[in-house]
Amino acid sequence: MAHYLGIDIGTSGTKTLLIDETGHVVAEANAEYPMEQPKPGWTQQDPEHWWAATKKTVKAVMKKSGVDKADVKAIGLSGQMHGSVFLDRDDNVIRPALLWNDQRTADQCDQITSAAGSREKLIGMVANPALTGFQAPKVLWLRDNEKRNFDKLAKVLLPKDDIRRRLTGDYVTEVSDASGTLFLDVKKRDWSKALLGKLDLSTDLLPRVVESEDVTGTLTKEAAKALGLTTECKVVGGAGDCAAGAIGNGIVKTGLLSTSIGTSGVMFVHSDEPNVDASGRLHTFCHAVRGKWHMMGVNLTSGGSLQWWVDQVVQGLAGIPSSKRFEAATAEAEKAIAGSGGMLFLPYLNGERTPHADPNARGAFVGMNLTHDRAAMTRAVMEGITFALRDSLEIIESLGVPVRQIRASGGGSKNVFWRQMQADVFGKKITTLKVEQGPAFGVALLAAVGDGAYKHIAQACQATIEVAAETKADRSAKLTYNKLFPVYRSLYGSLKDDMHQLAELQSTN
């Protein structure tokens, strides 16, 4: 039987899984690696960690599965979006890769907007405004701040596409991940020569662009040996992690939206047309579905905010081992009342993207009084994260994009209490899937399509993905959150100037 690998190059680690042609997950493995934060708001990683994790997890999956290497017909690649791997002419990595949540490029975003003629003209060219996490401003940052490194620059690749280079020896990306570079004309699904020209950058710096299910090559002898596979194994385009996760959730037709709470938070909705938010609050990207698009709201520090709270603050849960702190903290939060007694948390711990696009946004507790305790504060953190997701949902619906079903994924879907909170805050039913494997599963399905096991990705999703359960909104909690949400939305505007002053002070420390 044919089998397919899905490899997801995440921020904290790589996940690899193996499926058979029916979509059954045969085996999976994970490998973690560090992230560097040399300054506040700066994030980077050594691409060698990704390659080491890829080799380790593929070998582990093959050993666990017992599947013959000749039966692995294709690989799909996913990964953290927007990152920048800088290569010289000999394919040497010039410096650590700048990541999706890196905030050092505010000046370069202004440069790009100015070069385009205005924010509106930029959105007209590439469907999105310039944001600090995107790849294009990272390239300009390198040019402005590390000239010696820029002079060596021959290619810029996204994280998963650097793994592809090591697998096939070719420079290729696909439309969903390329959409997050800011270099792509999203409507035309190809590089924007107009913007590149205005930035005085050559298309030679960039890989060729294909559709997500297209075969981009086969494994080199070296890669096949390193992974324990054959040179007949294909590598398909794959997808950025958001689109890959959406594929894994079956978000491949109009009316379906996925909500994902991992390190970041994502609201992802399928679109048959390239609908563009003229205000630039939402991303409009190419979908991993051939000839389709999606709209997406992204919160930079969603699950990351709760992780910070639990790891850095809630360390004193007596007698609770560190592996159980998350469950203990959320169980404690469940005992607090909906709305946390009128206390709100702004989850802007590393800037924000949707809807504010502000690298200098900062987190805050607002409304605290002497009655609030640790449980209420934990609940407020979770509610603040969920309110941030509702920001995106309301923008999506205001643009006339239909939302008939919300499917939850990521860490926020696995916690029953948090699923209920999402239903209450959104005021809509939340559905979950029988098996939720995320981006790695999505690109494994794309690999199956590329190999011919399915005619197209919609067919693959229909055959392999099934809804398991739904969570309905609690009427009382819904009313409470509807009263609090307008206050939450107003706080950023009220505190913005103070946030920026504090961010400036932090940058000098």
Protein backbone atom coordinates (compact mmCIF):
# COMPACT_ATOMS: atom_id res chain seq x y z
CA MET A 1 0.00 0.00 0.00
CA ALA A 2 1.19 3.51 -0.81
CA HIS A 3 2.14 5.75 2.12
CA TYR A 4 2.75 9.47 2.42
CA LEU A 5 4.84 11.61 4.77
CA GLY A 6 3.83 14.99 6.12
CA ILE A 7 6.61 17.09 7.67
CA ASP A 8 5.79 20.32 9.56
CA ILE A 9 8.71 22.60 10.44
CA GLY A 10 7.23 24.44 13.44
CA THR A 11 8.56 27.21 15.66
CA SER A 12 9.27 25.02 18.67
CA GLY A 13 9.77 21.71 16.89
CA THR A 14 9.18 19.52 13.86
CA LYS A 15 6.34 17.02 13.59
CA THR A 16 6.41 14.23 11.04
CA LEU A 17 3.64 11.73 10.41
CA LEU A 18 3.03 8.89 7.99
CA ILE A 19 -0.39 8.10 6.52
CA ASP A 20 -1.59 5.33 4.26
CA GLU A 21 -3.66 6.06 1.16
CA THR A 22 -6.90 5.92 3.19
CA GLY A 23 -5.70 8.78 5.41
CA HIS A 24 -5.01 6.59 8.45
CA VAL A 25 -2.12 7.87 10.55
CA VAL A 26 0.35 4.99 10.84
CA ALA A 27 3.04 6.66 12.93
CA GLU A 28 4.22 10.09 14.07
CA ALA A 29 7.20 11.66 15.80
CA ASN A 30 8.28 15.04 17.18
CA ALA A 31 11.61 16.74 17.78
CA GLU A 32 12.07 20.05 19.59
CA TYR A 33 14.67 22.78 19.14
CA PRO A 34 15.43 26.21 20.63
CA MET A 35 14.55 29.69 19.45
CA GLU A 36 16.95 32.60 19.92
CA GLN A 37 15.73 35.97 21.23
CA PRO A 38 18.82 38.20 21.17
CA LYS A 39 16.78 41.37 21.82
CA PRO A 40 13.17 42.15 22.83
CA GLY A 41 10.99 41.49 19.79
CA TRP A 42 13.75 39.66 17.88
CA THR A 43 13.36 35.95 17.09
CA GLN A 44 15.62 33.72 15.02
CA GLN A 45 16.65 30.09 14.55
CA ASP A 46 19.45 28.03 13.07
CA PRO A 47 18.07 26.18 10.00
CA GLU A 48 20.38 23.28 10.82
CA HIS A 49 18.06 22.49 13.73
CA TRP A 50 15.18 22.03 11.26
CA TRP A 51 17.18 19.66 9.07
CA ALA A 52 18.40 17.63 12.06
CA ALA A 53 14.80 17.38 13.36
CA THR A 54 13.55 16.35 9.90
CA LYS A 55 16.05 13.49 9.66
CA LYS A 56 15.38 12.39 13.24
CA THR A 57 11.57 12.37 12.95
CA VAL A 58 11.43 10.70 9.53
CA LYS A 59 13.71 7.91 10.74
CA ALA A 60 11.64 7.54 13.92
CA VAL A 61 8.38 7.36 11.97
CA MET A 62 9.77 4.76 9.57
CA LYS A 63 11.07 2.64 12.44
CA LYS A 64 7.75 2.83 14.33
CA SER A 65 5.66 2.06 11.28
CA GLY A 66 7.63 -0.86 9.89
CA VAL A 67 6.62 0.35 6.41
CA ASP A 68 8.99 -0.53 3.59
CA LYS A 69 10.79 2.54 2.31
CA ALA A 70 9.71 1.78 -1.26
CA ASP A 71 6.07 2.20 -0.18
CA VAL A 72 6.64 5.85 0.80
CA LYS A 73 5.65 7.50 -2.46
CA ALA A 74 5.64 11.21 -1.66
CA ILE A 75 6.40 13.86 0.97
CA GLY A 76 4.44 17.01 1.75
CA LEU A 77 6.14 19.92 3.48
CA SER A 78 4.66 22.48 5.85
CA GLY A 79 6.26 25.02 8.12
CA GLN A 80 6.17 28.27 10.01
CA MET A 81 5.42 31.01 7.51
CA HIS A 82 7.22 34.29 6.68
CA GLY A 83 10.66 33.25 7.92
CA SER A 84 13.79 34.06 5.96
CA VAL A 85 16.63 31.67 5.26
CA PHE A 86 19.49 33.62 3.64
CA LEU A 87 21.78 31.55 1.38
CA ASP A 88 24.99 32.40 -0.45
CA ARG A 89 25.94 31.07 -3.92
CA ASP A 90 27.24 27.84 -2.36
CA ASP A 91 23.99 27.25 -0.41
CA ASN A 92 25.64 28.15 2.88
CA VAL A 93 23.30 29.72 5.46
CA ILE A 94 24.60 33.27 5.92
CA ARG A 95 23.05 34.01 9.33
CA PRO A 96 20.31 32.68 11.64
CA ALA A 97 16.89 32.73 9.98
CA LEU A 98 14.55 35.56 11.00
CA LEU A 99 11.18 34.13 12.10
CA TRP A 100 7.52 34.97 11.55
CA ASN A 101 7.17 36.65 14.94
CA ASP A 102 10.31 38.78 14.64
CA GLN A 103 9.47 42.47 15.07
CA ARG A 104 12.72 44.23 14.10
CA THR A 105 11.56 45.45 10.67
CA ALA A 106 9.15 48.35 11.37
CA ASP A 107 11.39 50.82 9.47
CA GLN A 108 11.58 48.50 6.47
CA CYS A 109 7.79 48.15 6.39
CA ASP A 110 7.61 51.93 6.09
CA GLN A 111 10.17 51.77 3.26
CA ILE A 112 8.08 49.24 1.35
CA THR A 113 4.88 51.24 1.80
CA SER A 114 6.62 54.39 0.60
CA ALA A 115 8.17 52.63 -2.39
CA ALA A 116 4.74 51.30 -3.41
CA GLY A 117 3.30 54.84 -3.28
CA SER A 118 0.91 54.30 -0.37
CA ARG A 119 -0.55 51.59 1.83
CA GLU A 120 -3.55 51.37 -0.48
CA LYS A 121 -1.36 50.96 -3.59
CA LEU A 122 0.69 48.27 -1.85
CA ILE A 123 -2.47 46.33 -0.99
CA GLY A 124 -3.52 46.73 -4.62
CA MET A 125 -0.24 45.14 -5.75
CA VAL A 126 0.06 42.21 -3.34
CA ALA A 127 -3.32 42.13 -1.48
CA ASN A 128 -1.71 42.86 1.89
CA PRO A 129 0.01 45.68 3.78
CA ALA A 130 3.64 45.49 4.89
CA LEU A 131 3.88 43.76 8.26
CA THR A 132 6.94 43.18 10.39
CA GLY A 133 6.68 39.41 10.32
CA PHE A 134 6.65 39.13 6.52
CA GLN A 135 9.70 38.10 4.51
CA ALA A 136 10.09 41.18 2.29
CA PRO A 137 10.94 43.62 5.10
CA LYS A 138 13.41 41.05 6.46
CA VAL A 139 15.32 41.15 3.17
CA LEU A 140 15.43 44.94 3.35
CA TRP A 141 16.54 44.76 6.98
CA LEU A 142 19.46 42.61 5.92
CA ARG A 143 20.34 45.13 3.23
CA ASP A 144 20.09 48.05 5.66
CA ASN A 145 21.80 46.52 8.68
CA GLU A 146 24.10 43.70 7.59
CA LYS A 147 25.52 44.84 4.24
CA ARG A 148 28.29 42.22 4.21
CA ASN A 149 25.71 39.49 4.58
CA PHE A 150 23.44 41.06 1.98
CA ASP A 151 26.31 41.23 -0.52
CA LYS A 152 26.67 37.45 -0.16
CA LEU A 153 22.95 36.85 -0.69
CA ALA A 154 21.99 34.58 -3.59
CA LYS A 155 18.64 33.08 -2.48
CA VAL A 156 15.97 33.73 0.16
CA LEU A 157 13.85 30.76 1.17
CA LEU A 158 10.99 30.11 3.53
CA PRO A 159 11.70 27.56 6.30
CA LYS A 160 9.98 24.56 4.72
CA ASP A 161 11.49 25.40 1.36
CA ASP A 162 14.99 25.26 2.82
CA ILE A 163 14.16 21.70 3.82
CA ARG A 164 12.91 21.10 0.25
CA ARG A 165 16.28 22.37 -1.06
CA ARG A 166 18.04 19.81 1.11
CA LEU A 167 15.67 17.08 -0.11
CA THR A 168 15.59 17.75 -3.86
CA GLY A 169 18.41 20.18 -4.57
CA ASP A 170 16.01 22.73 -6.10
CA TYR A 171 14.70 26.16 -5.08
CA VAL A 172 10.90 25.96 -5.09
CA THR A 173 8.03 27.37 -3.04
CA GLU A 174 4.28 27.17 -3.43
CA VAL A 175 1.53 29.76 -3.54
CA SER A 176 0.16 29.58 0.03
CA ASP A 177 3.52 30.11 1.76
CA ALA A 178 4.73 32.54 -0.91
CA SER A 179 1.68 34.73 -0.17
CA GLY A 180 3.20 35.53 3.21
CA THR A 181 6.43 36.92 1.78
CA LEU A 182 4.75 40.15 0.51
CA PHE A 183 6.56 39.53 -2.77
CA LEU A 184 3.65 37.60 -4.34
CA ASP A 185 0.92 39.05 -6.52
CA VAL A 186 -1.76 37.05 -4.73
CA LYS A 187 -4.40 37.51 -7.42
CA LYS A 188 -2.05 36.34 -10.20
CA ARG A 189 -0.38 33.66 -8.00
CA ASP A 190 3.12 34.71 -9.10
CA TRP A 191 5.90 37.06 -7.97
CA SER A 192 5.08 40.76 -8.19
CA LYS A 193 7.69 42.13 -10.57
CA ALA A 194 6.17 45.56 -10.01
CA LEU A 195 6.90 45.60 -6.28
CA LEU A 196 10.28 43.90 -6.62
CA GLY A 197 11.27 46.56 -9.13
CA LYS A 198 10.27 49.36 -6.78
CA LEU A 199 12.36 47.73 -4.03
CA ASP A 200 15.35 47.27 -6.36
CA LEU A 201 15.33 43.52 -5.80
CA SER A 202 15.70 40.79 -8.42
CA THR A 203 13.37 37.82 -8.89
CA ASP A 204 16.61 35.78 -9.02
CA LEU A 205 16.64 35.97 -5.20
CA LEU A 206 13.40 34.02 -5.05
CA PRO A 207 12.51 30.39 -5.80
CA ARG A 208 10.04 29.38 -8.52
CA VAL A 209 6.38 29.20 -7.48
CA VAL A 210 4.04 26.22 -7.98
CA GLU A 211 0.63 25.09 -6.77
CA SER A 212 0.56 23.24 -3.47
CA GLU A 213 -0.12 19.75 -4.84
CA ASP A 214 2.43 19.98 -7.67
CA VAL A 215 5.41 17.63 -7.61
CA THR A 216 8.58 19.71 -7.16
CA GLY A 217 11.14 16.92 -7.50
CA THR A 218 12.35 13.64 -6.04
CA LEU A 219 14.84 12.90 -3.28
CA THR A 220 18.51 13.19 -4.11
CA LYS A 221 20.75 10.22 -3.35
CA GLU A 222 22.14 12.08 -0.33
CA ALA A 223 18.71 12.99 1.03
CA ALA A 224 17.30 9.50 0.44
CA LYS A 225 20.21 8.01 2.40
CA ALA A 226 19.86 10.57 5.21
CA LEU A 227 16.13 9.84 5.60
CA GLY A 228 16.16 6.12 4.89
CA LEU A 229 13.92 6.47 1.80
CA THR A 230 14.29 5.97 -1.96
CA THR A 231 15.19 8.37 -4.76
CA GLU A 232 11.78 7.58 -6.30
CA CYS A 233 10.03 9.42 -3.44
CA LYS A 234 8.37 12.61 -4.70
CA VAL A 235 8.25 15.95 -2.87
CA VAL A 236 5.15 18.08 -3.48
CA GLY A 237 4.71 21.81 -2.97
CA GLY A 238 3.01 21.50 0.42
CA ALA A 239 1.75 24.59 2.22
CA GLY A 240 2.45 27.21 4.86
CA ASP A 241 1.39 25.93 8.27
CA CYS A 242 -1.85 27.91 8.35
CA ALA A 243 -3.08 26.64 4.98
CA ALA A 244 -1.76 23.15 5.76
CA GLY A 245 -3.63 23.10 9.06
CA ALA A 246 -6.77 24.25 7.27
CA ILE A 247 -6.40 21.42 4.75
CA GLY A 248 -6.00 19.03 7.68
CA ASN A 249 -9.30 20.39 9.05
CA GLY A 250 -11.08 20.12 5.72
CA ILE A 251 -11.41 23.89 5.20
CA VAL A 252 -11.59 23.51 1.43
CA LYS A 253 -14.98 24.98 0.53
CA THR A 254 -17.04 28.13 1.11
CA GLY A 255 -18.66 28.57 4.54
CA LEU A 256 -16.01 26.73 6.55
CA LEU A 257 -13.74 28.53 9.02
CA SER A 258 -11.06 27.10 11.27
CA THR A 259 -9.95 28.56 14.55
CA SER A 260 -6.54 27.46 15.72
CA ILE A 261 -4.84 28.25 19.02
CA GLY A 262 -1.18 27.28 19.06
CA THR A 263 1.70 29.63 19.78
CA SER A 264 -0.18 32.07 17.59
CA GLY A 265 -3.93 32.24 16.97
CA VAL A 266 -5.44 31.97 13.51
CA MET A 267 -8.92 32.47 12.07
CA PHE A 268 -8.87 30.97 8.59
CA VAL A 269 -11.75 31.06 6.09
CA HIS A 270 -11.92 29.56 2.57
CA SER A 271 -12.74 31.84 -0.36
CA ASP A 272 -13.41 31.03 -4.01
CA GLU A 273 -12.30 34.53 -4.97
CA PRO A 274 -9.37 36.74 -3.89
CA ASN A 275 -11.43 38.97 -1.56
CA VAL A 276 -9.20 41.74 -0.23
CA ASP A 277 -9.71 43.74 2.97
CA ALA A 278 -9.02 47.26 1.73
CA SER A 279 -8.04 48.27 5.28
CA GLY A 280 -5.44 45.52 5.45
CA ARG A 281 -6.67 44.15 8.76
CA LEU A 282 -6.89 40.60 7.42
CA HIS A 283 -4.51 38.69 5.19
CA THR A 284 -5.70 37.57 1.77
CA PHE A 285 -3.50 34.69 0.65
CA CYS A 286 -3.57 31.94 -1.96
CA HIS A 287 -5.04 28.75 -0.53
CA ALA A 288 -3.37 25.35 -0.85
CA VAL A 289 -6.46 24.42 -2.89
CA ARG A 290 -5.64 24.90 -6.57
CA GLY A 291 -7.05 28.19 -7.87
CA LYS A 292 -8.62 29.20 -4.53
CA TRP A 293 -7.82 31.76 -1.82
CA HIS A 294 -8.33 32.31 1.88
CA MET A 295 -8.66 35.16 4.32
CA MET A 296 -6.88 34.95 7.62
CA GLY A 297 -6.63 36.86 10.88
CA VAL A 298 -3.52 36.21 12.96
CA ASN A 299 -2.84 36.94 16.62
CA LEU A 300 0.86 36.71 17.34
CA THR A 301 0.77 35.50 20.94
CA SER A 302 -2.36 33.41 21.59
CA GLY A 303 -1.45 30.09 23.18
CA GLY A 304 1.92 31.73 23.72
CA SER A 305 0.29 34.16 26.17
CA LEU A 306 -1.13 31.33 28.23
CA GLN A 307 2.16 29.45 28.04
CA TRP A 308 3.94 32.59 29.31
CA TRP A 309 1.42 32.98 32.13
CA VAL A 310 1.73 29.37 33.24
CA ASP A 311 5.51 29.08 32.87
CA GLN A 312 6.58 32.49 34.14
CA VAL A 313 3.89 33.39 36.65
CA VAL A 314 1.88 30.37 37.73
CA GLN A 315 4.84 28.35 38.86
CA GLY A 316 3.73 27.90 42.42
CA LEU A 317 0.87 25.46 42.03
CA ALA A 318 1.80 23.38 45.07
CA GLY A 319 2.54 19.76 44.32
CA ILE A 320 1.82 20.04 40.59
CA PRO A 321 4.60 18.76 38.31
CA SER A 322 5.58 21.08 35.46
CA SER A 323 4.06 18.73 32.85
CA LYS A 324 0.64 19.14 34.50
CA ARG A 325 0.74 22.91 35.17
CA PHE A 326 -1.28 23.82 32.09
CA GLU A 327 -4.11 21.44 32.97
CA ALA A 328 -4.04 22.51 36.60
CA ALA A 329 -4.09 26.22 35.75
CA THR A 330 -7.00 25.92 33.30
CA ALA A 331 -8.96 23.73 35.73
CA GLU A 332 -8.48 26.45 38.34
CA ALA A 333 -9.57 29.10 35.82
CA GLU A 334 -12.78 27.19 35.10
CA LYS A 335 -13.88 27.88 38.69
CA ALA A 336 -13.80 31.64 38.06
CA ILE A 337 -16.91 33.32 36.65
CA ALA A 338 -17.32 34.15 32.96
CA GLY A 339 -15.87 37.58 32.34
CA SER A 340 -13.35 37.18 35.20
CA GLY A 341 -15.24 39.63 37.37
CA GLY A 342 -14.80 42.51 34.91
CA MET A 343 -11.05 42.04 34.37
CA LEU A 344 -9.62 42.01 30.85
CA PHE A 345 -6.29 40.86 29.45
CA LEU A 346 -4.71 42.19 26.23
CA PRO A 347 -2.57 39.36 24.75
CA TYR A 348 -0.13 41.62 22.90
CA LEU A 349 3.05 40.26 24.49
CA ASN A 350 5.11 40.41 21.30
CA GLY A 351 3.26 43.03 19.30
CA GLU A 352 0.11 42.22 17.32
CA ARG A 353 -0.91 41.60 13.73
CA THR A 354 -4.73 41.39 13.44
CA PRO A 355 -6.38 43.81 13.54
CA HIS A 356 -3.80 46.35 14.77
CA ALA A 357 -0.60 45.46 12.86
CA ASP A 358 1.48 47.04 15.60
CA PRO A 359 4.87 45.61 16.65
CA ASN A 360 4.86 47.95 19.66
CA ALA A 361 1.56 46.78 21.10
CA ARG A 362 2.05 45.41 24.61
CA GLY A 363 0.09 43.17 26.97
CA ALA A 364 -1.94 44.40 29.92
CA PHE A 365 -4.37 43.41 32.66
CA VAL A 366 -7.12 46.01 32.99
CA GLY A 367 -9.86 46.24 35.60
CA MET A 368 -8.13 44.43 38.46
CA ASN A 369 -9.40 44.87 42.00
CA LEU A 370 -8.86 43.26 45.39
CA THR A 371 -11.38 40.48 44.72
CA HIS A 372 -9.39 39.03 41.83
CA ASP A 373 -7.26 35.96 42.40
CA ARG A 374 -5.00 33.71 40.36
CA ALA A 375 -7.92 31.73 38.93
CA ALA A 376 -9.59 34.89 37.64
CA MET A 377 -6.34 36.12 36.14
CA THR A 378 -5.77 32.83 34.32
CA ARG A 379 -9.31 32.94 33.01
CA ALA A 380 -8.81 36.55 31.89
CA VAL A 381 -5.73 35.49 29.90
CA MET A 382 -7.75 32.78 28.15
CA GLU A 383 -10.65 35.16 27.52
CA GLY A 384 -8.33 37.85 26.16
CA ILE A 385 -6.87 35.38 23.67
CA THR A 386 -10.37 34.36 22.58
CA PHE A 387 -11.52 37.99 22.26
CA ALA A 388 -8.53 38.59 19.98
CA LEU A 389 -9.78 35.77 17.74
CA ARG A 390 -13.28 37.26 17.76
CA ASP A 391 -11.75 40.48 16.40
CA SER A 392 -10.85 38.53 13.25
CA LEU A 393 -14.20 36.74 13.05
CA GLU A 394 -16.13 40.00 13.12
CA ILE A 395 -13.99 41.52 10.37
CA ILE A 396 -14.47 38.42 8.20
CA GLU A 397 -18.24 38.54 8.58
CA SER A 398 -18.33 42.31 8.02
CA LEU A 399 -16.78 41.72 4.59
CA GLY A 400 -19.65 39.44 3.61
CA VAL A 401 -17.68 36.19 3.82
CA PRO A 402 -20.08 33.44 4.97
CA VAL A 403 -19.22 31.47 8.12
CA ARG A 404 -21.54 28.47 8.47
CA GLN A 405 -19.31 26.19 10.50
CA ILE A 406 -16.31 26.79 12.81
CA ARG A 407 -13.84 23.96 13.29
CA ALA A 408 -11.44 24.22 16.22
CA SER A 409 -7.89 22.93 16.16
CA GLY A 410 -4.63 23.32 18.04
CA GLY A 411 -4.24 23.34 21.80
CA GLY A 412 -7.43 25.35 22.25
CA SER A 413 -9.50 22.54 20.75
CA LYS A 414 -8.15 19.84 23.02
CA ASN A 415 -9.18 21.62 26.22
CA VAL A 416 -12.96 21.18 26.80
CA PHE A 417 -13.17 24.36 28.89
CA TRP A 418 -11.47 26.44 26.21
CA ARG A 419 -13.70 25.00 23.46
CA GLN A 420 -16.72 26.07 25.47
CA MET A 421 -15.22 29.52 25.96
CA GLN A 422 -14.73 29.87 22.20
CA ALA A 423 -18.36 28.94 21.57
CA ASP A 424 -19.49 31.47 24.20
CA VAL A 425 -17.25 34.32 23.00
CA PHE A 426 -17.99 33.74 19.30
CA GLY A 427 -21.67 33.07 19.94
CA LYS A 428 -21.49 30.10 17.55
CA LYS A 429 -21.21 26.33 17.65
CA ILE A 430 -17.67 24.95 17.70
CA THR A 431 -17.03 21.61 15.97
CA THR A 432 -14.11 19.26 16.42
CA LEU A 433 -12.82 16.45 14.26
CA LYS A 434 -12.47 12.75 15.10
CA VAL A 435 -8.76 12.97 14.35
CA GLU A 436 -6.97 16.32 14.45
CA GLN A 437 -3.37 16.17 13.33
CA GLY A 438 -2.78 19.70 12.09
CA PRO A 439 -0.46 20.87 9.32
CA ALA A 440 1.54 17.64 8.97
CA PHE A 441 -1.63 15.73 8.13
CA GLY A 442 -2.72 18.41 5.67
CA VAL A 443 0.48 18.22 3.65
CA ALA A 444 0.49 14.42 3.80
CA LEU A 445 -2.89 14.63 2.05
CA LEU A 446 -1.39 17.03 -0.51
CA ALA A 447 1.38 14.48 -1.07
CA ALA A 448 -1.27 11.83 -1.73
CA VAL A 449 -2.96 14.11 -4.27
CA GLY A 450 0.37 14.84 -5.95
CA ASP A 451 1.00 11.12 -6.25
CA GLY A 452 -2.41 10.53 -7.84
CA ALA A 453 -4.13 8.76 -4.93
CA TYR A 454 -6.89 11.41 -5.15
CA LYS A 455 -8.04 13.64 -8.01
CA HIS A 456 -7.90 16.81 -5.91
CA ILE A 457 -7.55 17.94 -2.30
CA ALA A 458 -11.30 18.37 -1.74
CA GLN A 459 -11.77 14.69 -2.59
CA ALA A 460 -8.95 13.73 -0.23
CA CYS A 461 -10.49 15.73 2.62
CA GLN A 462 -13.96 14.31 2.03
CA ALA A 463 -12.57 10.78 2.16
CA THR A 464 -10.44 11.19 5.29
CA ILE A 465 -11.84 13.93 7.55
CA GLU A 466 -14.89 13.53 9.78
CA VAL A 467 -16.54 15.86 12.32
CA ALA A 468 -16.72 14.29 15.78
CA ALA A 469 -18.67 16.64 18.04
CA GLU A 470 -19.95 20.17 18.50
CA THR A 471 -20.03 22.57 21.43
CA LYS A 472 -22.96 25.00 21.73
CA ALA A 473 -22.73 28.47 23.25
CA ASP A 474 -24.00 28.96 26.80
CA ARG A 475 -26.60 31.73 26.68
CA SER A 476 -25.60 33.40 29.96
CA ALA A 477 -21.86 33.39 29.21
CA LYS A 478 -22.55 34.63 25.68
CA LEU A 479 -24.43 37.66 27.05
CA THR A 480 -21.57 38.42 29.46
CA TYR A 481 -18.97 38.28 26.70
CA ASN A 482 -21.09 40.40 24.37
CA LYS A 483 -21.04 43.14 27.02
CA LEU A 484 -17.28 42.86 27.61
CA PHE A 485 -16.13 42.61 24.00
CA PRO A 486 -16.74 46.29 23.06
CA VAL A 487 -14.70 47.31 26.12
CA TYR A 488 -11.92 44.94 25.07
CA ARG A 489 -11.89 46.40 21.54
CA SER A 490 -11.64 49.95 22.85
CA LEU A 491 -8.66 49.32 25.12
CA TYR A 492 -6.00 49.17 22.41
CA GLY A 493 -6.91 52.64 21.16
CA SER A 494 -6.95 54.00 24.70
CA LEU A 495 -3.57 52.52 25.62
CA LYS A 496 -1.73 52.67 22.29
CA ASP A 497 0.39 55.76 23.04
CA ASP A 498 1.38 54.41 26.45
CA MET A 499 2.23 51.02 24.94
CA HIS A 500 4.53 52.67 22.42
CA GLN A 501 6.30 54.70 25.09
CA LEU A 502 6.86 51.56 27.14
CA ALA A 503 8.06 49.63 24.08
CA GLU A 504 10.63 52.36 23.42
CA LEU A 505 11.85 52.17 27.00
CA GLN A 506 12.10 48.38 26.74
CA SER A 507 14.19 48.62 23.57
CA THR A 508 16.81 50.70 25.39
CA ASN A 509 17.18 48.27 28.30
